[in-house]
Protein backbone atom coordinates (compact mmCIF):
# COMPACT_ATOMS: atom_id res chain seq x y z
CA UNK A 1 -0.26 -0.21 0.37
CA UNK A 2 1.46 3.29 -0.79
CA UNK A 3 1.32 6.27 1.59
CA UNK A 4 -1.07 8.27 -0.65
CA UNK A 5 -4.20 5.38 0.13
CA UNK A 6 -3.10 5.12 3.75
CA UNK A 7 -6.09 6.34 5.76
CA UNK A 8 -5.92 9.86 7.67
CA UNK A 9 -6.34 10.84 11.62
CA UNK A 10 -9.32 13.29 12.63
CA UNK A 11 -5.82 15.70 13.29
CA UNK A 12 -4.44 15.42 9.81
CA UNK A 13 -8.11 16.84 8.64
CA UNK A 14 -8.17 19.47 11.13
CA UNK A 15 -4.10 20.39 10.35
CA UNK A 16 -5.38 20.64 6.50
CA UNK A 17 -8.69 22.69 7.25
CA UNK A 18 -6.62 25.18 8.79
CA UNK A 19 -4.25 25.46 5.66
CA UNK A 20 -7.29 26.01 3.91
CA UNK A 21 -8.73 28.53 6.18
CA UNK A 22 -5.34 30.50 6.21
CA UNK A 23 -4.99 30.45 2.49
CA UNK A 24 -8.76 31.70 1.98
CA UNK A 25 -7.95 34.48 4.73
CA UNK A 26 -4.89 35.56 2.16
CA UNK A 27 -7.61 35.62 -0.58
CA UNK A 28 -5.51 32.09 -2.60
CA UNK A 29 -8.90 30.55 -2.40
CA UNK A 30 -12.59 32.06 -3.02
CA UNK A 31 -15.75 30.93 -0.81
CA UNK A 32 -17.15 28.62 -2.93
CA UNK A 33 -13.78 26.96 -3.32
CA UNK A 34 -12.37 27.29 0.31
CA UNK A 35 -16.52 25.53 0.90
CA UNK A 36 -15.77 22.91 -1.57
CA UNK A 37 -12.00 21.90 -0.16
CA UNK A 38 -13.52 21.81 3.22
CA UNK A 39 -15.67 19.19 2.81
CA UNK A 40 -13.77 17.38 1.12
CA UNK A 41 -10.76 17.77 3.70
CA UNK A 42 -13.28 16.91 6.44
CA UNK A 43 -14.32 13.75 5.02
CA UNK A 44 -11.05 12.74 3.36
CA UNK A 45 -10.68 8.97 4.18
CA UNK A 46 -6.88 8.71 2.43
CA UNK A 47 -3.55 11.10 2.49
CA UNK A 48 -3.63 10.95 -1.22
CA UNK A 49 -7.27 13.00 -0.88
CA UNK A 50 -5.90 15.75 1.34
CA UNK A 51 -3.04 16.84 -0.57
CA UNK A 52 -4.60 17.06 -3.61
CA UNK A 53 -6.41 19.81 -1.59
CA UNK A 54 -3.29 21.84 -0.92
CA UNK A 55 -1.13 21.02 -3.21
CA UNK A 56 -1.79 23.90 -5.33
CA UNK A 57 -1.05 26.49 -2.34
CA UNK A 58 2.27 28.17 -2.02
CA UNK A 59 4.13 28.01 1.56
CA UNK A 60 5.44 31.43 1.59
CA UNK A 61 6.85 31.62 4.71
CA UNK A 62 10.70 33.19 4.79
CA UNK A 63 13.23 32.22 3.27
CA UNK A 64 16.44 29.97 5.22
CA UNK A 65 19.68 28.46 4.18
CA UNK A 66 19.07 25.45 2.77
CA UNK A 67 22.08 23.85 5.10
CA UNK A 68 23.91 24.95 8.21
CA UNK A 69 26.44 23.22 10.41
CA UNK A 70 26.55 23.79 14.00
CA UNK A 71 29.64 22.37 15.46
CA UNK A 72 31.45 22.23 19.20
CA UNK A 73 34.17 19.54 21.08
CA UNK A 74 32.61 19.78 24.50
CA UNK A 75 29.54 22.31 24.43
CA UNK A 76 26.32 22.25 24.52
CA UNK A 77 24.88 22.92 21.08
CA UNK A 78 21.41 24.59 21.97
CA UNK A 79 18.35 26.27 19.48
CA UNK A 80 15.36 27.18 21.17
CA UNK A 81 12.43 29.56 20.59
CA UNK A 82 11.71 31.48 17.63
CA UNK A 83 15.04 30.75 15.34
CA UNK A 84 15.35 29.74 11.12
CA UNK A 85 15.06 25.79 10.72
CA UNK A 86 17.10 25.28 7.52
CA UNK A 87 16.22 22.16 5.25
CA UNK A 88 19.39 20.54 6.12
CA UNK A 89 21.35 20.62 9.69
CA UNK A 90 24.60 19.19 10.53
CA UNK A 91 25.61 18.80 14.28
CA UNK A 92 28.93 18.03 15.17
CA UNK A 93 29.84 17.57 18.86
CA UNK A 94 32.75 15.74 20.52
CA UNK A 95 31.83 15.42 24.53
CA UNK A 96 28.72 17.93 24.52
CA UNK A 97 25.02 17.60 24.44
CA UNK A 98 22.83 18.98 21.74
CA UNK A 99 19.11 20.28 22.45
CA UNK A 100 16.98 21.44 19.21
CA UNK A 101 14.41 22.92 20.21
CA UNK A 102 11.45 23.38 16.84
CA UNK A 103 8.15 23.32 18.89
CA UNK A 104 8.29 27.41 18.19
CA UNK A 105 10.69 27.22 15.28
CA UNK A 106 10.25 28.84 11.80
CA UNK A 107 10.37 25.60 9.72
CA UNK A 108 9.55 26.77 5.83
CA UNK A 109 10.52 22.88 4.30
CA UNK A 110 7.92 20.05 4.56
CA UNK A 111 11.25 18.03 5.36
CA UNK A 112 14.02 18.75 7.30
CA UNK A 113 17.03 16.60 7.62
CA UNK A 114 18.89 16.47 10.66
CA UNK A 115 21.86 14.87 10.66
CA UNK A 116 24.21 14.63 14.24
CA UNK A 117 27.85 13.41 14.41
CA UNK A 118 28.22 12.57 18.31
CA UNK A 119 30.84 11.15 20.14
CA UNK A 120 29.86 11.16 23.41
CA UNK A 121 27.02 13.21 23.59
CA UNK A 122 23.31 13.15 23.09
CA UNK A 123 21.10 15.13 21.98
CA UNK A 124 17.25 15.93 22.32
CA UNK A 125 14.99 17.09 19.52
CA UNK A 126 11.55 18.95 20.34
CA UNK A 127 9.35 18.55 17.32
CA UNK A 128 6.25 21.03 16.86
CA UNK A 129 2.81 19.84 17.67
CA UNK A 130 1.82 17.32 14.57
CA UNK A 131 5.50 16.86 13.85
CA UNK A 132 6.69 13.26 12.76
CA UNK A 133 10.52 12.11 13.17
CA UNK A 134 11.93 8.91 11.12
CA UNK A 135 14.84 7.82 13.23
CA UNK A 136 15.96 5.14 10.85
CA UNK A 137 19.06 5.97 9.67
CA UNK A 138 20.43 6.85 13.05
CA UNK A 139 22.86 4.57 15.10
CA UNK A 140 23.78 4.73 18.55
CA UNK A 141 26.57 2.29 20.11
CA UNK A 142 26.06 1.90 23.35
CA UNK A 143 23.22 4.45 23.92
CA UNK A 144 19.15 4.22 22.96
CA UNK A 145 17.07 5.84 20.39
CA UNK A 146 13.56 7.08 22.48
CA UNK A 147 11.07 8.55 20.49
CA UNK A 148 8.31 7.72 22.46
CA UNK A 149 4.73 9.03 20.65
CA UNK A 150 6.28 10.74 17.86
CA UNK A 151 5.26 8.81 14.57
CA UNK A 152 7.43 8.00 11.99
CA UNK A 153 5.86 8.13 9.10
CA UNK A 154 4.79 11.81 7.09
CA UNK A 155 1.74 13.82 7.18
CA UNK A 156 -0.39 16.27 5.26
CA UNK A 157 0.63 19.57 6.47
CA UNK A 158 3.14 18.18 9.41
CA UNK A 159 6.89 19.04 9.64
CA UNK A 160 8.66 15.79 8.83
CA UNK A 161 11.88 15.39 10.33
CA UNK A 162 14.29 12.88 8.96
CA UNK A 163 17.19 11.96 11.72
CA UNK A 164 20.45 10.34 10.42
CA UNK A 165 24.23 9.92 11.46
CA UNK A 166 25.45 8.02 14.55
CA UNK A 167 26.83 8.37 18.50
CA UNK A 168 28.87 6.20 20.08
CA UNK A 169 28.05 6.33 23.80
CA UNK A 170 25.28 9.04 23.95
CA UNK A 171 21.83 8.77 23.23
CA UNK A 172 18.65 10.28 20.83
CA UNK A 173 15.37 11.33 22.43
CA UNK A 174 12.59 12.81 19.87
CA UNK A 175 9.44 13.91 21.54
CA UNK A 176 6.88 16.82 22.12
CA UNK A 177 7.42 19.70 24.04
CA UNK A 178 5.93 19.64 27.83
CA UNK A 179 2.81 20.09 28.80
CA UNK A 180 2.62 23.23 30.73
CA UNK A 181 -0.01 22.17 33.71
CA UNK A 182 -0.33 25.89 35.15
CA UNK A 183 -0.56 27.59 32.32
CA UNK A 184 -3.68 29.60 31.77
């Protein structure tokens, strides 16, 4: 079965509906087009149906560099908050740790490749809500790879992070942001 034939979730339908409403607000769709596409989006069963509704809509977010390299011998590499995520991010750290928080970042590409080269350090990658991550190309010789409840297959409208590389003694954790219980 191809990915276009896979069944979608309510979250996938809602994300696509939000994209359509945003396109209408920008004047890219007429009221009639919005209504027609929303009806299909909310009753879609497969990814192919959803992708067909948004494939002609541009993503007009600011452009960022295609490839960025971050390197440290024994310090912490950390990115969080409002930062621009490149299409490809190469991170090398011999003894330090890496924390990449994508939850509030500007991500202009549907797929982000993160290549990790860690000798003794560990990495934590925090995805935006709804994001997915494929860690199949990451190797940890003596550590562990934790993805908890993060799905690995692409979803329409969701950022897809592909993580590759290796660590000898460290670990990789990929998760969503922690819920703040006291937030109002």
